[in-house]
Structure formats: C-alpha cells, structure tokens
Amino acid sequence: MNYTEETIRNLKKTHDGWSLITGASSGIGKGIVCELAAQKFDLIFVARSEDALEGPSHKGMSRHGIRTRVVAMDLVRNKAPRELHSRV
C-alpha cells in the first residue's frame, strides 16, 4: 500500500489504540514514533537497547499525553516473536 503524507497524518481517524514500533530507537523507527505520538497513539517501543529507548526523545512522549511501554529485545532470536506477543 502506498501511503501519502495526508494518509499518514490521518491514521488516528481509522486506527485507534496501541501501536508497536520495532527499531524505535533510531532511523525510520524513531521517525514513525514521533509521527504516531503527535497523532496521540499509545506506543510500545521495541529495540535491542533499553538505554536508547529510555532516552530523552522517548521520555518526551509524555508531552503528547500518551501512554508508552518499552520492550528491550533482540527480535532476531527464534523465540522473540512469541515472547514479544506474551509481553504486550
């Protein structure tokens, strides 16, 4: 599916609740976090480094009035998907 900027800005109108973002500590994942936080999605951050997830950029999510959860996990491991599912 090809998302336009307007579609991305209006995600909250069609999808409500929690969003899980993998690779949330940097790059595209971090950009997605910022966009979804601005749209008032509650967020679950997943990345290998808990320190990066707990950093200032994610602590600032409280200014958006959203709930957040942090899951430090290497998703390459065989049992990681099942473990992540049980944790969230």
PDB file of N, CA and C in Angstrom:
ATOM      1  N   MET A   1       0.845  -1.167   0.000  1.00  0.00           N
ATOM      2  CA  MET A   1       0.000   0.000   0.000  1.00  0.00           C
ATOM      3  C   MET A   1       0.896   1.238   0.000  1.00  0.00           C
ATOM      4  N   ASN A   2       0.564   2.198  -0.792  1.00  0.00           N
ATOM      5  CA  ASN A   2       1.332   3.431  -0.884  1.00  0.00           C
ATOM      6  C   ASN A   2       0.658   4.508  -0.044  1.00  0.00           C
ATOM      7  N   TYR A   3       1.322   4.926   1.022  1.00  0.00           N
ATOM      8  CA  TYR A   3       0.758   5.928   1.914  1.00  0.00           C
ATOM      9  C   TYR A   3       1.194   7.324   1.500  1.00  0.00           C
ATOM     10  N   THR A   4       0.245   8.213   1.375  1.00  0.00           N
ATOM     11  CA  THR A   4       0.579   9.612   1.143  1.00  0.00           C
ATOM     12  C   THR A   4       0.799  10.272   2.485  1.00  0.00           C
ATOM     13  N   GLU A   5       1.368  11.460   2.487  1.00  0.00           N
ATOM     14  CA  GLU A   5       1.585  12.175   3.745  1.00  0.00           C
ATOM     15  C   GLU A   5       0.265  12.429   4.458  1.00  0.00           C
ATOM     16  N   GLU A   6      -0.775  12.749   3.710  1.00  0.00           N
ATOM     17  CA  GLU A   6      -2.084  13.005   4.324  1.00  0.00           C
ATOM     18  C   GLU A   6      -2.630  11.747   4.984  1.00  0.00           C
ATOM     19  N   THR A   7      -2.471  10.602   4.341  1.00  0.00           N
ATOM     20  CA  THR A   7      -2.930   9.339   4.919  1.00  0.00           C
ATOM     21  C   THR A   7      -2.216   9.080   6.230  1.00  0.00           C
ATOM     22  N   ILE A   8      -0.926   9.284   6.254  1.00  0.00           N
ATOM     23  CA  ILE A   8      -0.145   9.056   7.466  1.00  0.00           C
ATOM     24  C   ILE A   8      -0.582  10.022   8.564  1.00  0.00           C
ATOM     25  N   ARG A   9      -0.818  11.272   8.213  1.00  0.00           N
ATOM     26  CA  ARG A   9      -1.254  12.255   9.208  1.00  0.00           C
ATOM     27  C   ARG A   9      -2.634  11.921   9.769  1.00  0.00           C
ATOM     28  N   ASN A  10      -3.425  11.171   9.040  1.00  0.00           N
ATOM     29  CA  ASN A  10      -4.793  10.874   9.476  1.00  0.00           C
ATOM     30  C   ASN A  10      -4.990   9.432   9.942  1.00  0.00           C
ATOM     31  N   LEU A  11      -3.923   8.747  10.306  1.00  0.00           N
ATOM     32  CA  LEU A  11      -4.034   7.360  10.759  1.00  0.00           C
ATOM     33  C   LEU A  11      -4.960   7.216  11.957  1.00  0.00           C
ATOM     34  N   LYS A  12      -4.906   8.148  12.878  1.00  0.00           N
ATOM     35  CA  LYS A  12      -5.682   8.058  14.112  1.00  0.00           C
ATOM     36  C   LYS A  12      -7.183   8.009  13.836  1.00  0.00           C
ATOM     37  N   LYS A  13      -7.611   8.596  12.740  1.00  0.00           N
ATOM     38  CA  LYS A  13      -9.039   8.601  12.406  1.00  0.00           C
ATOM     39  C   LYS A  13      -9.555   7.194  12.086  1.00  0.00           C
ATOM     40  N   THR A  14      -8.680   6.325  11.574  1.00  0.00           N
ATOM     41  CA  THR A  14      -9.119   4.989  11.187  1.00  0.00           C
ATOM     42  C   THR A  14      -8.566   3.866  12.048  1.00  0.00           C
ATOM     43  N   HIS A  15      -7.473   4.126  12.757  1.00  0.00           N
ATOM     44  CA  HIS A  15      -6.842   3.107  13.585  1.00  0.00           C
ATOM     45  C   HIS A  15      -6.644   3.675  14.983  1.00  0.00           C
ATOM     46  N   ASP A  16      -7.292   3.087  15.958  1.00  0.00           N
ATOM     47  CA  ASP A  16      -7.196   3.604  17.316  1.00  0.00           C
ATOM     48  C   ASP A  16      -6.507   2.577  18.199  1.00  0.00           C
ATOM     49  N   GLY A  17      -5.879   3.038  19.256  1.00  0.00           N
ATOM     50  CA  GLY A  17      -5.283   2.124  20.226  1.00  0.00           C
ATOM     51  C   GLY A  17      -3.781   2.207  20.251  1.00  0.00           C
ATOM     52  N   TRP A  18      -3.165   1.082  20.584  1.00  0.00           N
ATOM     53  CA  TRP A  18      -1.719   0.983  20.746  1.00  0.00           C
ATOM     54  C   TRP A  18      -1.054   0.693  19.409  1.00  0.00           C
ATOM     55  N   SER A  19       0.131   1.250  19.232  1.00  0.00           N
ATOM     56  CA  SER A  19       0.967   0.938  18.073  1.00  0.00           C
ATOM     57  C   SER A  19       2.296   0.407  18.578  1.00  0.00           C
ATOM     58  N   LEU A  20       2.783  -0.648  17.948  1.00  0.00           N
ATOM     59  CA  LEU A  20       4.055  -1.263  18.299  1.00  0.00           C
ATOM     60  C   LEU A  20       5.053  -0.907  17.210  1.00  0.00           C
ATOM     61  N   ILE A  21       6.151  -0.284  17.605  1.00  0.00           N
ATOM     62  CA  ILE A  21       7.160   0.135  16.645  1.00  0.00           C
ATOM     63  C   ILE A  21       8.459  -0.590  16.947  1.00  0.00           C
ATOM     64  N   THR A  22       8.936  -1.379  15.983  1.00  0.00           N
ATOM     65  CA  THR A  22      10.219  -2.052  16.133  1.00  0.00           C
ATOM     66  C   THR A  22      11.311  -1.133  15.588  1.00  0.00           C
ATOM     67  N   GLY A  23      12.499  -1.278  16.116  1.00  0.00           N
ATOM     68  CA  GLY A  23      13.591  -0.401  15.701  1.00  0.00           C
ATOM     69  C   GLY A  23      13.315   1.037  16.094  1.00  0.00           C
ATOM     70  N   ALA A  24      12.648   1.219  17.222  1.00  0.00           N
ATOM     71  CA  ALA A  24      12.154   2.534  17.629  1.00  0.00           C
ATOM     72  C   ALA A  24      13.228   3.469  18.149  1.00  0.00           C
ATOM     73  N   SER A  25      14.451   2.995  18.307  1.00  0.00           N
ATOM     74  CA  SER A  25      15.484   3.834  18.919  1.00  0.00           C
ATOM     75  C   SER A  25      16.215   4.727  17.929  1.00  0.00           C
ATOM     76  N   SER A  26      16.061   4.475  16.630  1.00  0.00           N
ATOM     77  CA  SER A  26      16.784   5.307  15.660  1.00  0.00           C
ATOM     78  C   SER A  26      16.164   5.197  14.271  1.00  0.00           C
ATOM     79  N   GLY A  27      16.653   6.024  13.380  1.00  0.00           N
ATOM     80  CA  GLY A  27      16.278   5.960  11.977  1.00  0.00           C
ATOM     81  C   GLY A  27      14.796   6.101  11.707  1.00  0.00           C
ATOM     82  N   ILE A  28      14.305   5.294  10.772  1.00  0.00           N
ATOM     83  CA  ILE A  28      12.904   5.347  10.368  1.00  0.00           C
ATOM     84  C   ILE A  28      11.987   5.039  11.542  1.00  0.00           C
ATOM     85  N   GLY A  29      12.361   4.067  12.369  1.00  0.00           N
ATOM     86  CA  GLY A  29      11.537   3.716  13.528  1.00  0.00           C
ATOM     87  C   GLY A  29      11.321   4.894  14.455  1.00  0.00           C
ATOM     88  N   LYS A  30      12.373   5.657  14.684  1.00  0.00           N
ATOM     89  CA  LYS A  30      12.279   6.839  15.544  1.00  0.00           C
ATOM     90  C   LYS A  30      11.372   7.891  14.908  1.00  0.00           C
ATOM     91  N   GLY A  31      11.456   8.034  13.588  1.00  0.00           N
ATOM     92  CA  GLY A  31      10.586   8.967  12.879  1.00  0.00           C
ATOM     93  C   GLY A  31       9.126   8.567  12.975  1.00  0.00           C
ATOM     94  N   ILE A  32       8.860   7.257  12.875  1.00  0.00           N
ATOM     95  CA  ILE A  32       7.495   6.758  12.999  1.00  0.00           C
ATOM     96  C   ILE A  32       6.968   7.014  14.407  1.00  0.00           C
ATOM     97  N   VAL A  33       7.820   6.812  15.403  1.00  0.00           N
ATOM     98  CA  VAL A  33       7.443   7.091  16.792  1.00  0.00           C
ATOM     99  C   VAL A  33       6.982   8.535  16.937  1.00  0.00           C
ATOM    100  N   CYS A  34       7.754   9.464  16.398  1.00  0.00           N
ATOM    101  CA  CYS A  34       7.411  10.886  16.525  1.00  0.00           C
ATOM    102  C   CYS A  34       6.082  11.199  15.849  1.00  0.00           C
ATOM    103  N   GLU A  35       5.861  10.645  14.673  1.00  0.00           N
ATOM    104  CA  GLU A  35       4.611  10.896  13.944  1.00  0.00           C
ATOM    105  C   GLU A  35       3.406  10.325  14.682  1.00  0.00           C
ATOM    106  N   LEU A  36       3.517   9.081  15.155  1.00  0.00           N
ATOM    107  CA  LEU A  36       2.387   8.458  15.851  1.00  0.00           C
ATOM    108  C   LEU A  36       2.125   9.109  17.202  1.00  0.00           C
ATOM    109  N   ALA A  37       3.174   9.547  17.882  1.00  0.00           N
ATOM    110  CA  ALA A  37       2.990  10.250  19.158  1.00  0.00           C
ATOM    111  C   ALA A  37       2.242  11.557  18.941  1.00  0.00           C
ATOM    112  N   ALA A  38       2.579  12.257  17.886  1.00  0.00           N
ATOM    113  CA  ALA A  38       1.899  13.514  17.577  1.00  0.00           C
ATOM    114  C   ALA A  38       0.422  13.283  17.269  1.00  0.00           C
ATOM    115  N   GLN A  39       0.104  12.070  16.777  1.00  0.00           N
ATOM    116  CA  GLN A  39      -1.294  11.725  16.481  1.00  0.00           C
ATOM    117  C   GLN A  39      -2.002  11.097  17.678  1.00  0.00           C
ATOM    118  N   LYS A  40      -1.327  11.069  18.824  1.00  0.00           N
ATOM    119  CA  LYS A  40      -1.894  10.606  20.095  1.00  0.00           C
ATOM    120  C   LYS A  40      -2.085   9.091  20.181  1.00  0.00           C
ATOM    121  N   PHE A  41      -1.266   8.331  19.450  1.00  0.00           N
ATOM    122  CA  PHE A  41      -1.283   6.884  19.613  1.00  0.00           C
ATOM    123  C   PHE A  41      -0.529   6.525  20.884  1.00  0.00           C
ATOM    124  N   ASP A  42      -1.017   5.565  21.645  1.00  0.00           N
ATOM    125  CA  ASP A  42      -0.234   4.973  22.725  1.00  0.00           C
ATOM    126  C   ASP A  42       0.803   4.078  22.054  1.00  0.00           C
ATOM    127  N   LEU A  43       2.032   4.081  22.563  1.00  0.00           N
ATOM    128  CA  LEU A  43       3.128   3.432  21.840  1.00  0.00           C
ATOM    129  C   LEU A  43       3.862   2.388  22.660  1.00  0.00           C
ATOM    130  N   ILE A  44       4.237   1.322  21.975  1.00  0.00           N
ATOM    131  CA  ILE A  44       5.126   0.303  22.521  1.00  0.00           C
ATOM    132  C   ILE A  44       6.404   0.383  21.696  1.00  0.00           C
ATOM    133  N   PHE A  45       7.516   0.721  22.369  1.00  0.00           N
ATOM    134  CA  PHE A  45       8.805   0.831  21.702  1.00  0.00           C
ATOM    135  C   PHE A  45       9.550  -0.488  21.834  1.00  0.00           C
ATOM    136  N   VAL A  46      10.049  -1.010  20.716  1.00  0.00           N
ATOM    137  CA  VAL A  46      10.837  -2.240  20.743  1.00  0.00           C
ATOM    138  C   VAL A  46      12.159  -1.989  20.037  1.00  0.00           C
ATOM    139  N   ALA A  47      13.250  -2.325  20.723  1.00  0.00           N
ATOM    140  CA  ALA A  47      14.588  -2.267  20.135  1.00  0.00           C
ATOM    141  C   ALA A  47      15.527  -3.073  21.023  1.00  0.00           C
ATOM    142  N   ARG A  48      16.731  -3.308  20.547  1.00  0.00           N
ATOM    143  CA  ARG A  48      17.692  -4.088  21.319  1.00  0.00           C
ATOM    144  C   ARG A  48      18.183  -3.341  22.545  1.00  0.00           C
ATOM    145  N   SER A  49      18.342  -2.046  22.456  1.00  0.00           N
ATOM    146  CA  SER A  49      18.956  -1.268  23.534  1.00  0.00           C
ATOM    147  C   SER A  49      17.902  -0.549  24.379  1.00  0.00           C
ATOM    148  N   GLU A  50      17.763  -0.971  25.622  1.00  0.00           N
ATOM    149  CA  GLU A  50      16.812  -0.315  26.525  1.00  0.00           C
ATOM    150  C   GLU A  50      17.229   1.124  26.799  1.00  0.00           C
ATOM    151  N   ASP A  51      18.534   1.366  26.909  1.00  0.00           N
ATOM    152  CA  ASP A  51      19.019   2.731  27.157  1.00  0.00           C
ATOM    153  C   ASP A  51      18.556   3.681  26.063  1.00  0.00           C
ATOM    154  N   ALA A  52      18.644   3.248  24.806  1.00  0.00           N
ATOM    155  CA  ALA A  52      18.221   4.103  23.698  1.00  0.00           C
ATOM    156  C   ALA A  52      16.720   4.360  23.745  1.00  0.00           C
ATOM    157  N   LEU A  53      15.959   3.355  24.166  1.00  0.00           N
ATOM    158  CA  LEU A  53      14.502   3.506  24.230  1.00  0.00           C
ATOM    159  C   LEU A  53      14.073   4.411  25.368  1.00  0.00           C
ATOM    160  N   GLU A  54      14.838   4.399  26.448  1.00  0.00           N
ATOM    161  CA  GLU A  54      14.503   5.219  27.608  1.00  0.00           C
ATOM    162  C   GLU A  54      15.072   6.625  27.494  1.00  0.00           C
ATOM    163  N   GLY A  55      15.746   6.920  26.394  1.00  0.00           N
ATOM    164  CA  GLY A  55      16.410   8.207  26.218  1.00  0.00           C
ATOM    165  C   GLY A  55      15.463   9.385  26.171  1.00  0.00           C
ATOM    166  N   PRO A  56      16.027  10.548  26.098  1.00  0.00           N
ATOM    167  CA  PRO A  56      15.243  11.795  26.154  1.00  0.00           C
ATOM    168  C   PRO A  56      14.173  11.893  25.075  1.00  0.00           C
ATOM    169  N   SER A  57      14.428  11.374  23.899  1.00  0.00           N
ATOM    170  CA  SER A  57      13.435  11.520  22.832  1.00  0.00           C
ATOM    171  C   SER A  57      12.142  10.777  23.153  1.00  0.00           C
ATOM    172  N   HIS A  58      12.240   9.636  23.815  1.00  0.00           N
ATOM    173  CA  HIS A  58      11.051   8.876  24.147  1.00  0.00           C
ATOM    174  C   HIS A  58      10.422   9.329  25.463  1.00  0.00           C
ATOM    175  N   LYS A  59      11.233   9.827  26.382  1.00  0.00           N
ATOM    176  CA  LYS A  59      10.673  10.364  27.616  1.00  0.00           C
ATOM    177  C   LYS A  59       9.807  11.581  27.308  1.00  0.00           C
ATOM    178  N   GLY A  60      10.131  12.274  26.242  1.00  0.00           N
ATOM    179  CA  GLY A  60       9.370  13.446  25.842  1.00  0.00           C
ATOM    180  C   GLY A  60       7.973  13.127  25.330  1.00  0.00           C
ATOM    181  N   MET A  61       7.660  11.843  25.174  1.00  0.00           N
ATOM    182  CA  MET A  61       6.340  11.463  24.673  1.00  0.00           C
ATOM    183  C   MET A  61       5.238  11.885  25.634  1.00  0.00           C
ATOM    184  N   SER A  62       5.578  12.089  26.899  1.00  0.00           N
ATOM    185  CA  SER A  62       4.558  12.476  27.872  1.00  0.00           C
ATOM    186  C   SER A  62       3.923  13.815  27.507  1.00  0.00           C
ATOM    187  N   ARG A  63       4.647  14.632  26.790  1.00  0.00           N
ATOM    188  CA  ARG A  63       4.078  15.924  26.392  1.00  0.00           C
ATOM    189  C   ARG A  63       2.908  15.752  25.426  1.00  0.00           C
ATOM    190  N   HIS A  64       2.816  14.586  24.806  1.00  0.00           N
ATOM    191  CA  HIS A  64       1.708  14.309  23.896  1.00  0.00           C
ATOM    192  C   HIS A  64       0.501  13.697  24.630  1.00  0.00           C
ATOM    193  N   GLY A  65       0.677  13.403  25.915  1.00  0.00           N
ATOM    194  CA  GLY A  65      -0.412  12.822  26.687  1.00  0.00           C
ATOM    195  C   GLY A  65      -0.734  11.394  26.297  1.00  0.00           C
ATOM    196  N   ILE A  66       0.294  10.628  25.967  1.00  0.00           N
ATOM    197  CA  ILE A  66       0.090   9.234  25.563  1.00  0.00           C
ATOM    198  C   ILE A  66       0.754   8.297  26.559  1.00  0.00           C
ATOM    199  N   ARG A  67       0.334   7.041  26.515  1.00  0.00           N
ATOM    200  CA  ARG A  67       0.966   6.006  27.335  1.00  0.00           C
ATOM    201  C   ARG A  67       2.042   5.334  26.494  1.00  0.00           C
ATOM    202  N   THR A  68       3.112   4.917  27.150  1.00  0.00           N
ATOM    203  CA  THR A  68       4.188   4.229  26.443  1.00  0.00           C
ATOM    204  C   THR A  68       4.641   3.005  27.231  1.00  0.00           C
ATOM    205  N   ARG A  69       5.141   2.030  26.500  1.00  0.00           N
ATOM    206  CA  ARG A  69       5.774   0.854  27.085  1.00  0.00           C
ATOM    207  C   ARG A  69       7.074   0.637  26.342  1.00  0.00           C
ATOM    208  N   VAL A  70       8.064   0.160  27.054  1.00  0.00           N
ATOM    209  CA  VAL A  70       9.376  -0.115  26.472  1.00  0.00           C
ATOM    210  C   VAL A  70       9.642  -1.605  26.562  1.00  0.00           C
ATOM    211  N   VAL A  71      10.044  -2.199  25.439  1.00  0.00           N
ATOM    212  CA  VAL A  71      10.427  -3.610  25.412  1.00  0.00           C
ATOM    213  C   VAL A  71      11.806  -3.685  24.757  1.00  0.00           C
ATOM    214  N   ALA A  72      12.814  -4.015  25.564  1.00  0.00           N
ATOM    215  CA  ALA A  72      14.164  -4.197  25.040  1.00  0.00           C
ATOM    216  C   ALA A  72      14.310  -5.665  24.652  1.00  0.00           C
ATOM    217  N   MET A  73      14.479  -5.901  23.365  1.00  0.00           N
ATOM    218  CA  MET A  73      14.508  -7.283  22.884  1.00  0.00           C
ATOM    219  C   MET A  73      15.175  -7.329  21.511  1.00  0.00           C
ATOM    220  N   ASP A  74      15.979  -8.367  21.309  1.00  0.00           N
ATOM    221  CA  ASP A  74      16.572  -8.612  20.000  1.00  0.00           C
ATOM    222  C   ASP A  74      15.621  -9.515  19.233  1.00  0.00           C
ATOM    223  N   LEU A  75      14.968  -8.968  18.244  1.00  0.00           N
ATOM    224  CA  LEU A  75      13.935  -9.710  17.513  1.00  0.00           C
ATOM    225  C   LEU A  75      14.491 -10.756  16.557  1.00  0.00           C
ATOM    226  N   VAL A  76      15.804 -10.865  16.462  1.00  0.00           N
ATOM    227  CA  VAL A  76      16.422 -11.879  15.601  1.00  0.00           C
ATOM    228  C   VAL A  76      16.321 -13.271  16.230  1.00  0.00           C
ATOM    229  N   ARG A  77      16.237 -13.327  17.550  1.00  0.00           N
ATOM    230  CA  ARG A  77      16.166 -14.626  18.239  1.00  0.00           C
ATOM    231  C   ARG A  77      14.921 -15.403  17.809  1.00  0.00           C
ATOM    232  N   ASN A  78      15.026 -16.718  17.735  1.00  0.00           N
ATOM    233  CA  ASN A  78      13.926 -17.565  17.275  1.00  0.00           C
ATOM    234  C   ASN A  78      12.650 -17.400  18.087  1.00  0.00           C
ATOM    235  N   LYS A  79      12.773 -17.294  19.387  1.00  0.00           N
ATOM    236  CA  LYS A  79      11.590 -17.225  20.247  1.00  0.00           C
ATOM    237  C   LYS A  79      11.125 -15.793  20.505  1.00  0.00           C
ATOM    238  N   ALA A  80      11.785 -14.820  19.916  1.00  0.00           N
ATOM    239  CA  ALA A  80      11.465 -13.418  20.179  1.00  0.00           C
ATOM    240  C   ALA A  80      10.019 -13.042  19.814  1.00  0.00           C
ATOM    241  N   PRO A  81       9.499 -13.444  18.660  1.00  0.00           N
ATOM    242  CA  PRO A  81       8.116 -13.048  18.335  1.00  0.00           C
ATOM    243  C   PRO A  81       7.095 -13.549  19.379  1.00  0.00           C
ATOM    244  N   ARG A  82       7.254 -14.791  19.795  1.00  0.00           N
ATOM    245  CA  ARG A  82       6.326 -15.346  20.799  1.00  0.00           C
ATOM    246  C   ARG A  82       6.482 -14.613  22.150  1.00  0.00           C
ATOM    247  N   GLU A  83       7.728 -14.353  22.534  1.00  0.00           N
ATOM    248  CA  GLU A  83       7.987 -13.651  23.778  1.00  0.00           C
ATOM    249  C   GLU A  83       7.423 -12.217  23.729  1.00  0.00           C
ATOM    250  N   LEU A  84       7.617 -11.543  22.621  1.00  0.00           N
ATOM    251  CA  LEU A  84       7.080 -10.190  22.484  1.00  0.00           C
ATOM    252  C   LEU A  84       5.564 -10.198  22.571  1.00  0.00           C
ATOM    253  N   HIS A  85       4.948 -11.134  21.916  1.00  0.00           N
ATOM    254  CA  HIS A  85       3.486 -11.250  21.950  1.00  0.00           C
ATOM    255  C   HIS A  85       2.997 -11.441  23.378  1.00  0.00           C
ATOM    256  N   SER A  86       3.662 -12.282  24.143  1.00  0.00           N
ATOM    257  CA  SER A  86       3.221 -12.529  25.515  1.00  0.00           C
ATOM    258  C   SER A  86       3.452 -11.318  26.416  1.00  0.00           C
ATOM    259  N   ARG A  87       4.458 -10.521  26.107  1.00  0.00           N
ATOM    260  CA  ARG A  87       4.758  -9.340  26.943  1.00  0.00           C
ATOM    261  C   ARG A  87       3.824  -8.172  26.675  1.00  0.00           C
ATOM    262  N   VAL A  88       3.288  -8.103  25.494  1.00  0.00           N
ATOM    263  CA  VAL A  88       2.411  -6.956  25.186  1.00  0.00           C
ATOM    264  C   VAL A  88       0.959  -7.396  25.094  1.00  0.00           C
TER     265      VAL A  88
END
